[in-house]
Each structure stands twice: as C-alpha cells, then as structure tokens.
C-alpha cells in the first residue's frame, strides 16, 4: 500500500512530495485465512442445522414409507392367493413397491450425509443419474405444461460421487424451475445440459421463468429461506452442502434470455 502527501516548508510552500510504502502482505493473508475459516464455520453450521431437521423428518417419513411398503406387499400377496393375473394392476403394485423402497433409500442417505457429513463416493455415470432424475419428473412436468429439453455432452468421463445424493440435486433444481414457471401462462421450458469445463463437469438447469429477482446464491441457499409460500427453505441449502461435499460448486445467475440459471460443477476423476 502506497501513501503520499505534499511536503511543505515552514512558510507553507510546497517543495515536494513525501511518500511511504507499507507492506500489507501478511495482513491480506490473514484476511483471506479468516474469510476461509468463516466460510468453513458457516458450512459446518449449515450442515449441523440441516442435520438436526433432517433427522427429525427422516424419523417421521420412515414410518409412513414402511407402512406403504407393507400394505403394498400385503395386497400383492392377497392378489396372488386369489389368482389375479391382471398385468396392469400387478405391474403398478410392483412399481409402487420399488418407488417406496427408493424413497426410503433417499431419506436414509440424506440423513446419513447430513449427520456424518460424508457422501458415499463411487464411480458413477453422471448422465445416467441425470436421465434417472428427469424420468422421475417427466410426468409431473407434462402435467404442468413444461417442456423439458435435455442436451448432454457426449463422452463425459465418470465422476467420483454419491449417485443418490447427486440425483436429488438434479431433481431439486428441475423441480424448483418447474415451480417458478407457474408464473408463465404458456411456453414453459426447462433446459438441462452438461459440458466439460476444464477439470470439472458442469450441469446447467435453465428456465424461462421470472428469474432470481436480484437474489444471490448465498441468499437462495440460506437454510429456511424460500421464495415459495409453501416452501421449507431446505432444498437448495441441502443441494449446496451436497455439492460442496463433493468438492464442487453450486451457482445461480440470471439466464441470458430471461429466467434463472442454476448450475453445479463436480471435479472429474
């Protein structure tokens, strides 16, 4: 840092300039260190808060999920004893049981992540995770009149990630986009794309809704903050924690053509 001031003699006449140089390298280094420590503390506090809430919710959700699975199995057994061979009904019951089991795994994995703060890293095809998430939401988007455009870059390498958790990130971002599009009368569209950016793979979820209204990603991801009247404000906070636990980054910005653009990047293996 450089300081300068005029050099004045006894009569008040300026006769030159006086300058001094102050080395603030250590001060800046300490500021950066304190900032990183603050970010780490904020991240841990967010996980602790979400972990407590998630534990309570997981306990409450596991009971009805177990009941659904039990009733489903009981109905399937009763139909088998009665000799019912209706493929449509039996197929629906089978899918119901599979979805109940899948929901149970999701609840358990999110609870495990938020309490232990460590995802289960394994090699996974990120495109398979995205396609699976889109398939779960496709019917709901059709019902809402939302067009889903999926453009996945070819030859994206596998990533080391928790597939169940990353699927929930994609589901949450797409569902949030669909909710935001309710403000439009027609022409509702969501674009999901992927691309390799240096040593990372980036996933973009872009909509043509009302946009972010000037909100930054820090505000949007704050625990219990929601722009929806019926929202709990946990979705984006959990998504951000999941992405950061994978050494990635979650970001949000205004889409170039109007609307919101949410993206997250994961390191390539």
C-alpha atoms as a PDB file:
ATOM      1  CA  UNK A   1       0.000   0.000   0.000  1.00  0.00           C
ATOM      2  CA  UNK A   2       1.419   3.402  -1.015  1.00  0.00           C
ATOM      3  CA  UNK A   3       0.760   6.677   0.861  1.00  0.00           C
ATOM      4  CA  UNK A   4       1.724  10.083  -0.456  1.00  0.00           C
ATOM      5  CA  UNK A   5       1.368  13.642   0.769  1.00  0.00           C
ATOM      6  CA  UNK A   6       2.779  17.071  -0.165  1.00  0.00           C
ATOM      7  CA  UNK A   7       5.992  18.186   1.525  1.00  0.00           C
ATOM      8  CA  UNK A   8       5.602  21.762   2.812  1.00  0.00           C
ATOM      9  CA  UNK A   9       8.306  24.047   4.252  1.00  0.00           C
ATOM     10  CA  UNK A  10       7.976  26.385   7.246  1.00  0.00           C
ATOM     11  CA  UNK A  11       6.431  29.127   5.107  1.00  0.00           C
ATOM     12  CA  UNK A  12       3.688  26.846   3.826  1.00  0.00           C
ATOM     13  CA  UNK A  13       5.156  26.480   0.344  1.00  0.00           C
ATOM     14  CA  UNK A  14       5.100  23.027  -1.242  1.00  0.00           C
ATOM     15  CA  UNK A  15       8.603  21.956  -2.012  1.00  0.00           C
ATOM     16  CA  UNK A  16       7.980  18.328  -2.967  1.00  0.00           C
ATOM     17  CA  UNK A  17       6.204  15.136  -2.150  1.00  0.00           C
ATOM     18  CA  UNK A  18       6.640  12.644   0.626  1.00  0.00           C
ATOM     19  CA  UNK A  19       5.761   9.010   0.099  1.00  0.00           C
ATOM     20  CA  UNK A  20       5.774   5.820   2.116  1.00  0.00           C
ATOM     21  CA  UNK A  21       5.211   2.192   1.251  1.00  0.00           C
ATOM     22  CA  UNK A  22       3.553  -0.205   3.671  1.00  0.00           C
ATOM     23  CA  UNK A  23       3.825  -3.954   3.148  1.00  0.00           C
ATOM     24  CA  UNK A  24       0.342  -5.408   3.843  1.00  0.00           C
ATOM     25  CA  UNK A  25       1.060  -8.896   2.521  1.00  0.00           C
ATOM     26  CA  UNK A  26       0.691 -10.521   5.919  1.00  0.00           C
ATOM     27  CA  UNK A  27      -2.484  -8.563   6.673  1.00  0.00           C
ATOM     28  CA  UNK A  28      -4.084  -9.652   3.390  1.00  0.00           C
ATOM     29  CA  UNK A  29      -3.003 -13.208   4.028  1.00  0.00           C
ATOM     30  CA  UNK A  30      -4.639 -13.094   7.449  1.00  0.00           C
ATOM     31  CA  UNK A  31      -7.829 -11.632   5.930  1.00  0.00           C
ATOM     32  CA  UNK A  32      -8.002 -14.461   3.402  1.00  0.00           C
ATOM     33  CA  UNK A  33      -7.395 -17.021   6.124  1.00  0.00           C
ATOM     34  CA  UNK A  34     -10.138 -15.537   8.315  1.00  0.00           C
ATOM     35  CA  UNK A  35     -12.520 -15.472   5.344  1.00  0.00           C
ATOM     36  CA  UNK A  36     -11.877 -19.145   4.573  1.00  0.00           C
ATOM     37  CA  UNK A  37     -12.336 -20.056   8.230  1.00  0.00           C
ATOM     38  CA  UNK A  38     -15.603 -18.115   8.278  1.00  0.00           C
ATOM     39  CA  UNK A  39     -16.827 -19.962   5.204  1.00  0.00           C
ATOM     40  CA  UNK A  40     -15.898 -23.298   6.771  1.00  0.00           C
ATOM     41  CA  UNK A  41     -17.693 -22.447  10.010  1.00  0.00           C
ATOM     42  CA  UNK A  42     -20.773 -21.302   8.064  1.00  0.00           C
ATOM     43  CA  UNK A  43     -20.731 -24.530   6.042  1.00  0.00           C
ATOM     44  CA  UNK A  44     -20.479 -26.667   9.191  1.00  0.00           C
ATOM     45  CA  UNK A  45     -23.198 -24.663  10.935  1.00  0.00           C
ATOM     46  CA  UNK A  46     -25.484 -25.117   7.944  1.00  0.00           C
ATOM     47  CA  UNK A  47     -24.893 -28.852   7.939  1.00  0.00           C
ATOM     48  CA  UNK A  48     -25.461 -29.109  11.687  1.00  0.00           C
ATOM     49  CA  UNK A  49     -28.759 -27.251  11.477  1.00  0.00           C
ATOM     50  CA  UNK A  50     -29.948 -29.213   8.467  1.00  0.00           C
ATOM     51  CA  UNK A  51     -28.801 -32.468  10.038  1.00  0.00           C
ATOM     52  CA  UNK A  52     -30.964 -31.898  13.101  1.00  0.00           C
ATOM     53  CA  UNK A  53     -34.013 -31.095  10.988  1.00  0.00           C
ATOM     54  CA  UNK A  54     -33.342 -33.954   8.568  1.00  0.00           C
ATOM     55  CA  UNK A  55     -33.065 -36.461  11.413  1.00  0.00           C
ATOM     56  CA  UNK A  56     -36.489 -35.457  12.679  1.00  0.00           C
ATOM     57  CA  UNK A  57     -38.025 -35.555   9.209  1.00  0.00           C
ATOM     58  CA  UNK A  58     -36.393 -38.889   8.397  1.00  0.00           C
ATOM     59  CA  UNK A  59     -37.876 -40.443  11.522  1.00  0.00           C
ATOM     60  CA  UNK A  60     -41.332 -39.100  10.659  1.00  0.00           C
ATOM     61  CA  UNK A  61     -41.103 -40.150   6.984  1.00  0.00           C
ATOM     62  CA  UNK A  62     -39.783 -43.653   7.605  1.00  0.00           C
ATOM     63  CA  UNK A  63     -42.960 -44.709   9.379  1.00  0.00           C
ATOM     64  CA  UNK A  64     -45.402 -43.959   6.518  1.00  0.00           C
ATOM     65  CA  UNK A  65     -42.912 -45.306   3.957  1.00  0.00           C
ATOM     66  CA  UNK A  66     -42.654 -48.577   5.882  1.00  0.00           C
ATOM     67  CA  UNK A  67     -46.449 -48.740   6.087  1.00  0.00           C
ATOM     68  CA  UNK A  68     -46.772 -48.143   2.328  1.00  0.00           C
ATOM     69  CA  UNK A  69     -44.297 -50.937   1.577  1.00  0.00           C
ATOM     70  CA  UNK A  70     -46.051 -53.308   3.990  1.00  0.00           C
ATOM     71  CA  UNK A  71     -49.543 -52.624   2.627  1.00  0.00           C
ATOM     72  CA  UNK A  72     -48.228 -52.957  -0.912  1.00  0.00           C
ATOM     73  CA  UNK A  73     -46.682 -56.350  -0.166  1.00  0.00           C
ATOM     74  CA  UNK A  74     -49.867 -57.466   1.579  1.00  0.00           C
ATOM     75  CA  UNK A  75     -52.050 -56.517  -1.378  1.00  0.00           C
ATOM     76  CA  UNK A  76     -49.691 -58.259  -3.796  1.00  0.00           C
ATOM     77  CA  UNK A  77     -49.765 -61.454  -1.695  1.00  0.00           C
ATOM     78  CA  UNK A  78     -53.565 -61.355  -1.415  1.00  0.00           C
ATOM     79  CA  UNK A  79     -53.967 -60.951  -5.175  1.00  0.00           C
ATOM     80  CA  UNK A  80     -51.582 -63.842  -5.744  1.00  0.00           C
ATOM     81  CA  UNK A  81     -53.640 -66.085  -3.425  1.00  0.00           C
ATOM     82  CA  UNK A  82     -56.813 -65.091  -5.272  1.00  0.00           C
ATOM     83  CA  UNK A  83     -55.191 -65.978  -8.568  1.00  0.00           C
ATOM     84  CA  UNK A  84     -55.417 -62.459 -10.008  1.00  0.00           C
ATOM     85  CA  UNK A  85     -53.292 -62.205 -13.144  1.00  0.00           C
ATOM     86  CA  UNK A  86     -54.035 -58.624 -14.195  1.00  0.00           C
ATOM     87  CA  UNK A  87     -50.650 -57.457 -15.503  1.00  0.00           C
ATOM     88  CA  UNK A  88     -51.608 -53.785 -15.290  1.00  0.00           C
ATOM     89  CA  UNK A  89     -52.519 -53.972 -11.599  1.00  0.00           C
ATOM     90  CA  UNK A  90     -49.597 -56.221 -10.668  1.00  0.00           C
ATOM     91  CA  UNK A  91     -47.189 -54.001 -12.603  1.00  0.00           C
ATOM     92  CA  UNK A  92     -48.493 -50.912 -10.808  1.00  0.00           C
ATOM     93  CA  UNK A  93     -48.073 -52.608  -7.442  1.00  0.00           C
ATOM     94  CA  UNK A  94     -44.535 -53.619  -8.321  1.00  0.00           C
ATOM     95  CA  UNK A  95     -43.625 -50.063  -9.307  1.00  0.00           C
ATOM     96  CA  UNK A  96     -45.266 -48.754  -6.130  1.00  0.00           C
ATOM     97  CA  UNK A  97     -43.112 -51.050  -4.035  1.00  0.00           C
ATOM     98  CA  UNK A  98     -39.967 -50.064  -5.935  1.00  0.00           C
ATOM     99  CA  UNK A  99     -40.656 -46.352  -5.508  1.00  0.00           C
ATOM    100  CA  UNK A 100     -41.365 -46.790  -1.782  1.00  0.00           C
ATOM    101  CA  UNK A 101     -38.042 -48.596  -1.367  1.00  0.00           C
ATOM    102  CA  UNK A 102     -36.281 -45.918  -3.428  1.00  0.00           C
ATOM    103  CA  UNK A 103     -37.810 -43.161  -1.293  1.00  0.00           C
ATOM    104  CA  UNK A 104     -36.642 -44.952   1.840  1.00  0.00           C
ATOM    105  CA  UNK A 105     -33.087 -45.148   0.489  1.00  0.00           C
ATOM    106  CA  UNK A 106     -33.135 -41.439  -0.375  1.00  0.00           C
ATOM    107  CA  UNK A 107     -34.314 -40.439   3.101  1.00  0.00           C
ATOM    108  CA  UNK A 108     -31.725 -42.686   4.730  1.00  0.00           C
ATOM    109  CA  UNK A 109     -28.878 -41.416   2.525  1.00  0.00           C
ATOM    110  CA  UNK A 110     -29.668 -37.735   3.039  1.00  0.00           C
ATOM    111  CA  UNK A 111     -29.950 -38.279   6.780  1.00  0.00           C
ATOM    112  CA  UNK A 112     -26.648 -40.154   6.792  1.00  0.00           C
ATOM    113  CA  UNK A 113     -24.957 -37.400   4.793  1.00  0.00           C
ATOM    114  CA  UNK A 114     -26.242 -34.555   6.967  1.00  0.00           C
ATOM    115  CA  UNK A 115     -25.303 -36.302  10.205  1.00  0.00           C
ATOM    116  CA  UNK A 116     -21.947 -37.783   9.158  1.00  0.00           C
ATOM    117  CA  UNK A 117     -21.228 -35.098   6.524  1.00  0.00           C
ATOM    118  CA  UNK A 118     -19.563 -37.553   4.174  1.00  0.00           C
ATOM    119  CA  UNK A 119     -21.100 -38.788   0.902  1.00  0.00           C
ATOM    120  CA  UNK A 120     -20.511 -42.325  -0.381  1.00  0.00           C
ATOM    121  CA  UNK A 121     -18.072 -41.726  -3.196  1.00  0.00           C
ATOM    122  CA  UNK A 122     -18.151 -44.203  -6.056  1.00  0.00           C
ATOM    123  CA  UNK A 123     -17.552 -44.068  -9.786  1.00  0.00           C
ATOM    124  CA  UNK A 124     -20.822 -43.188 -11.489  1.00  0.00           C
ATOM    125  CA  UNK A 125     -22.064 -42.120 -14.886  1.00  0.00           C
ATOM    126  CA  UNK A 126     -23.386 -38.623 -14.315  1.00  0.00           C
ATOM    127  CA  UNK A 127     -25.587 -38.795 -17.404  1.00  0.00           C
ATOM    128  CA  UNK A 128     -27.343 -41.898 -16.086  1.00  0.00           C
ATOM    129  CA  UNK A 129     -28.023 -40.016 -12.854  1.00  0.00           C
ATOM    130  CA  UNK A 130     -29.462 -37.045 -14.770  1.00  0.00           C
ATOM    131  CA  UNK A 131     -31.639 -39.216 -17.011  1.00  0.00           C
ATOM    132  CA  UNK A 132     -32.990 -41.094 -13.978  1.00  0.00           C
ATOM    133  CA  UNK A 133     -33.884 -37.795 -12.301  1.00  0.00           C
ATOM    134  CA  UNK A 134     -35.587 -36.491 -15.445  1.00  0.00           C
ATOM    135  CA  UNK A 135     -37.617 -39.686 -15.787  1.00  0.00           C
ATOM    136  CA  UNK A 136     -38.983 -39.228 -12.270  1.00  0.00           C
ATOM    137  CA  UNK A 137     -40.094 -35.675 -13.060  1.00  0.00           C
ATOM    138  CA  UNK A 138     -41.215 -36.082 -16.671  1.00  0.00           C
ATOM    139  CA  UNK A 139     -44.871 -36.862 -15.966  1.00  0.00           C
ATOM    140  CA  UNK A 140     -45.225 -34.018 -13.454  1.00  0.00           C
ATOM    141  CA  UNK A 141     -43.665 -31.569 -15.921  1.00  0.00           C
ATOM    142  CA  UNK A 142     -46.041 -32.717 -18.654  1.00  0.00           C
ATOM    143  CA  UNK A 143     -48.972 -32.159 -16.312  1.00  0.00           C
ATOM    144  CA  UNK A 144     -47.759 -28.610 -15.687  1.00  0.00           C
ATOM    145  CA  UNK A 145     -47.254 -27.893 -19.370  1.00  0.00           C
ATOM    146  CA  UNK A 146     -43.467 -27.680 -19.030  1.00  0.00           C
ATOM    147  CA  UNK A 147     -41.229 -28.769 -21.894  1.00  0.00           C
ATOM    148  CA  UNK A 148     -38.005 -30.475 -20.810  1.00  0.00           C
ATOM    149  CA  UNK A 149     -35.026 -30.125 -23.163  1.00  0.00           C
ATOM    150  CA  UNK A 150     -32.079 -32.372 -22.290  1.00  0.00           C
ATOM    151  CA  UNK A 151     -28.737 -31.804 -24.029  1.00  0.00           C
ATOM    152  CA  UNK A 152     -25.961 -33.902 -22.528  1.00  0.00           C
ATOM    153  CA  UNK A 153     -22.448 -33.625 -23.908  1.00  0.00           C
ATOM    154  CA  UNK A 154     -21.028 -36.875 -25.307  1.00  0.00           C
ATOM    155  CA  UNK A 155     -18.046 -38.677 -23.805  1.00  0.00           C
ATOM    156  CA  UNK A 156     -18.231 -37.091 -20.351  1.00  0.00           C
ATOM    157  CA  UNK A 157     -15.953 -39.140 -18.071  1.00  0.00           C
ATOM    158  CA  UNK A 158     -17.263 -40.818 -14.944  1.00  0.00           C
ATOM    159  CA  UNK A 159     -17.127 -38.847 -11.724  1.00  0.00           C
ATOM    160  CA  UNK A 160     -16.447 -39.943  -8.176  1.00  0.00           C
ATOM    161  CA  UNK A 161     -19.713 -39.095  -6.454  1.00  0.00           C
ATOM    162  CA  UNK A 162     -22.687 -40.326  -4.452  1.00  0.00           C
ATOM    163  CA  UNK A 163     -25.225 -41.078  -7.184  1.00  0.00           C
ATOM    164  CA  UNK A 164     -28.245 -40.979  -4.842  1.00  0.00           C
ATOM    165  CA  UNK A 165     -27.327 -37.539  -3.490  1.00  0.00           C
ATOM    166  CA  UNK A 166     -26.431 -36.041  -6.873  1.00  0.00           C
ATOM    167  CA  UNK A 167     -29.734 -37.314  -8.279  1.00  0.00           C
ATOM    168  CA  UNK A 168     -31.501 -35.376  -5.523  1.00  0.00           C
ATOM    169  CA  UNK A 169     -29.614 -32.215  -6.501  1.00  0.00           C
ATOM    170  CA  UNK A 170     -30.805 -32.548 -10.109  1.00  0.00           C
ATOM    171  CA  UNK A 171     -34.373 -33.327  -9.012  1.00  0.00           C
ATOM    172  CA  UNK A 172     -34.463 -30.327  -6.696  1.00  0.00           C
ATOM    173  CA  UNK A 173     -33.119 -27.892  -9.296  1.00  0.00           C
ATOM    174  CA  UNK A 174     -35.522 -29.080 -12.005  1.00  0.00           C
ATOM    175  CA  UNK A 175     -38.492 -29.103  -9.618  1.00  0.00           C
ATOM    176  CA  UNK A 176     -37.664 -25.569  -8.448  1.00  0.00           C
ATOM    177  CA  UNK A 177     -37.513 -24.447 -12.067  1.00  0.00           C
ATOM    178  CA  UNK A 178     -40.909 -26.035 -12.752  1.00  0.00           C
ATOM    179  CA  UNK A 179     -42.377 -24.268  -9.722  1.00  0.00           C
ATOM    180  CA  UNK A 180     -41.011 -20.924 -10.918  1.00  0.00           C
ATOM    181  CA  UNK A 181     -42.573 -21.439 -14.352  1.00  0.00           C
ATOM    182  CA  UNK A 182     -46.070 -21.424 -12.874  1.00  0.00           C
ATOM    183  CA  UNK A 183     -45.841 -17.633 -13.206  1.00  0.00           C
ATOM    184  CA  UNK A 184     -45.958 -18.036 -17.001  1.00  0.00           C
ATOM    185  CA  UNK A 185     -49.202 -18.626 -18.831  1.00  0.00           C
ATOM    186  CA  UNK A 186     -47.595 -20.666 -21.609  1.00  0.00           C
ATOM    187  CA  UNK A 187     -44.303 -21.502 -23.271  1.00  0.00           C
ATOM    188  CA  UNK A 188     -42.864 -23.029 -20.121  1.00  0.00           C
ATOM    189  CA  UNK A 189     -39.456 -24.538 -20.818  1.00  0.00           C
ATOM    190  CA  UNK A 190     -36.587 -26.069 -18.835  1.00  0.00           C
ATOM    191  CA  UNK A 191     -33.231 -26.907 -20.414  1.00  0.00           C
ATOM    192  CA  UNK A 192     -30.868 -29.371 -18.727  1.00  0.00           C
ATOM    193  CA  UNK A 193     -27.378 -29.598 -20.204  1.00  0.00           C
ATOM    194  CA  UNK A 194     -23.910 -30.832 -19.362  1.00  0.00           C
ATOM    195  CA  UNK A 195     -20.429 -29.944 -20.534  1.00  0.00           C
ATOM    196  CA  UNK A 196     -16.832 -30.429 -19.543  1.00  0.00           C
ATOM    197  CA  UNK A 197     -15.204 -27.245 -18.251  1.00  0.00           C
ATOM    198  CA  UNK A 198     -11.511 -27.783 -17.611  1.00  0.00           C
ATOM    199  CA  UNK A 199     -11.133 -30.340 -14.820  1.00  0.00           C
ATOM    200  CA  UNK A 200     -14.825 -30.190 -13.948  1.00  0.00           C
ATOM    201  CA  UNK A 201     -18.108 -31.337 -15.451  1.00  0.00           C
ATOM    202  CA  UNK A 202     -20.821 -28.692 -15.255  1.00  0.00           C
ATOM    203  CA  UNK A 203     -24.566 -29.292 -15.169  1.00  0.00           C
ATOM    204  CA  UNK A 204     -26.884 -26.406 -16.060  1.00  0.00           C
ATOM    205  CA  UNK A 205     -30.611 -26.176 -15.318  1.00  0.00           C
ATOM    206  CA  UNK A 206     -32.053 -23.164 -17.108  1.00  0.00           C
ATOM    207  CA  UNK A 207     -35.669 -21.976 -17.213  1.00  0.00           C
ATOM    208  CA  UNK A 208     -37.540 -19.108 -18.862  1.00  0.00           C
ATOM    209  CA  UNK A 209     -39.378 -18.057 -15.712  1.00  0.00           C
ATOM    210  CA  UNK A 210     -39.291 -14.783 -13.772  1.00  0.00           C
ATOM    211  CA  UNK A 211     -35.616 -15.072 -12.800  1.00  0.00           C
ATOM    212  CA  UNK A 212     -33.907 -14.524  -9.450  1.00  0.00           C
ATOM    213  CA  UNK A 213     -35.233 -11.024  -8.693  1.00  0.00           C
ATOM    214  CA  UNK A 214     -31.746  -9.833  -7.795  1.00  0.00           C
ATOM    215  CA  UNK A 215     -31.137 -12.546  -5.196  1.00  0.00           C
ATOM    216  CA  UNK A 216     -27.658 -14.027  -4.869  1.00  0.00           C
ATOM    217  CA  UNK A 217     -26.906 -17.717  -4.466  1.00  0.00           C
ATOM    218  CA  UNK A 218     -25.924 -17.157  -0.815  1.00  0.00           C
ATOM    219  CA  UNK A 219     -29.412 -15.844  -0.060  1.00  0.00           C
ATOM    220  CA  UNK A 220     -31.169 -18.549  -2.060  1.00  0.00           C
ATOM    221  CA  UNK A 221     -29.212 -21.304  -0.300  1.00  0.00           C
ATOM    222  CA  UNK A 222     -29.672 -19.970   3.223  1.00  0.00           C
ATOM    223  CA  UNK A 223     -31.403 -22.555   5.454  1.00  0.00           C
ATOM    224  CA  UNK A 224     -35.150 -21.992   5.808  1.00  0.00           C
ATOM    225  CA  UNK A 225     -35.192 -19.210   3.201  1.00  0.00           C
ATOM    226  CA  UNK A 226     -37.762 -19.815   0.461  1.00  0.00           C
ATOM    227  CA  UNK A 227     -39.396 -17.724  -2.252  1.00  0.00           C
ATOM    228  CA  UNK A 228     -42.389 -20.099  -2.195  1.00  0.00           C
ATOM    229  CA  UNK A 229     -45.251 -19.624   0.251  1.00  0.00           C
ATOM    230  CA  UNK A 230     -45.343 -23.359   0.987  1.00  0.00           C
ATOM    231  CA  UNK A 231     -41.589 -23.932   0.844  1.00  0.00           C
ATOM    232  CA  UNK A 232     -39.486 -25.088   3.797  1.00  0.00           C
ATOM    233  CA  UNK A 233     -36.280 -23.464   2.558  1.00  0.00           C
ATOM    234  CA  UNK A 234     -34.199 -26.628   2.895  1.00  0.00           C
ATOM    235  CA  UNK A 235     -33.874 -27.840  -0.694  1.00  0.00           C
ATOM    236  CA  UNK A 236     -31.184 -25.514  -2.037  1.00  0.00           C
ATOM    237  CA  UNK A 237     -29.346 -25.465   1.295  1.00  0.00           C
ATOM    238  CA  UNK A 238     -29.043 -29.261   1.192  1.00  0.00           C
ATOM    239  CA  UNK A 239     -28.113 -29.181  -2.505  1.00  0.00           C
ATOM    240  CA  UNK A 240     -25.302 -26.723  -1.851  1.00  0.00           C
ATOM    241  CA  UNK A 241     -23.987 -28.826   1.033  1.00  0.00           C
ATOM    242  CA  UNK A 242     -24.075 -31.969  -1.126  1.00  0.00           C
ATOM    243  CA  UNK A 243     -22.204 -30.306  -3.999  1.00  0.00           C
ATOM    244  CA  UNK A 244     -19.591 -28.761  -1.693  1.00  0.00           C
ATOM    245  CA  UNK A 245     -19.062 -32.151  -0.013  1.00  0.00           C
ATOM    246  CA  UNK A 246     -18.076 -33.408  -3.478  1.00  0.00           C
ATOM    247  CA  UNK A 247     -15.527 -30.559  -3.790  1.00  0.00           C
ATOM    248  CA  UNK A 248     -17.841 -28.867  -6.262  1.00  0.00           C
ATOM    249  CA  UNK A 249     -19.599 -25.523  -6.607  1.00  0.00           C
ATOM    250  CA  UNK A 250     -23.289 -24.595  -6.826  1.00  0.00           C
ATOM    251  CA  UNK A 251     -24.055 -21.298  -8.548  1.00  0.00           C
ATOM    252  CA  UNK A 252     -27.079 -19.287  -9.651  1.00  0.00           C
ATOM    253  CA  UNK A 253     -27.458 -16.407 -12.090  1.00  0.00           C
ATOM    254  CA  UNK A 254     -29.928 -14.741 -14.409  1.00  0.00           C
ATOM    255  CA  UNK A 255     -30.317 -16.683 -17.664  1.00  0.00           C
ATOM    256  CA  UNK A 256     -29.153 -14.794 -20.778  1.00  0.00           C
ATOM    257  CA  UNK A 257     -32.595 -14.909 -22.408  1.00  0.00           C
ATOM    258  CA  UNK A 258     -34.509 -14.286 -19.179  1.00  0.00           C
ATOM    259  CA  UNK A 259     -35.243 -16.689 -16.369  1.00  0.00           C
ATOM    260  CA  UNK A 260     -32.912 -18.395 -13.912  1.00  0.00           C
ATOM    261  CA  UNK A 261     -29.801 -20.489 -14.477  1.00  0.00           C
ATOM    262  CA  UNK A 262     -28.722 -22.859 -11.718  1.00  0.00           C
ATOM    263  CA  UNK A 263     -25.560 -24.866 -12.227  1.00  0.00           C
ATOM    264  CA  UNK A 264     -23.276 -27.131 -10.284  1.00  0.00           C
ATOM    265  CA  UNK A 265     -19.815 -28.409 -11.114  1.00  0.00           C
ATOM    266  CA  UNK A 266     -18.142 -31.613  -9.966  1.00  0.00           C
ATOM    267  CA  UNK A 267     -14.458 -32.482 -10.332  1.00  0.00           C
ATOM    268  CA  UNK A 268     -13.567 -35.129 -12.873  1.00  0.00           C
ATOM    269  CA  UNK A 269     -11.816 -38.227 -11.555  1.00  0.00           C
END
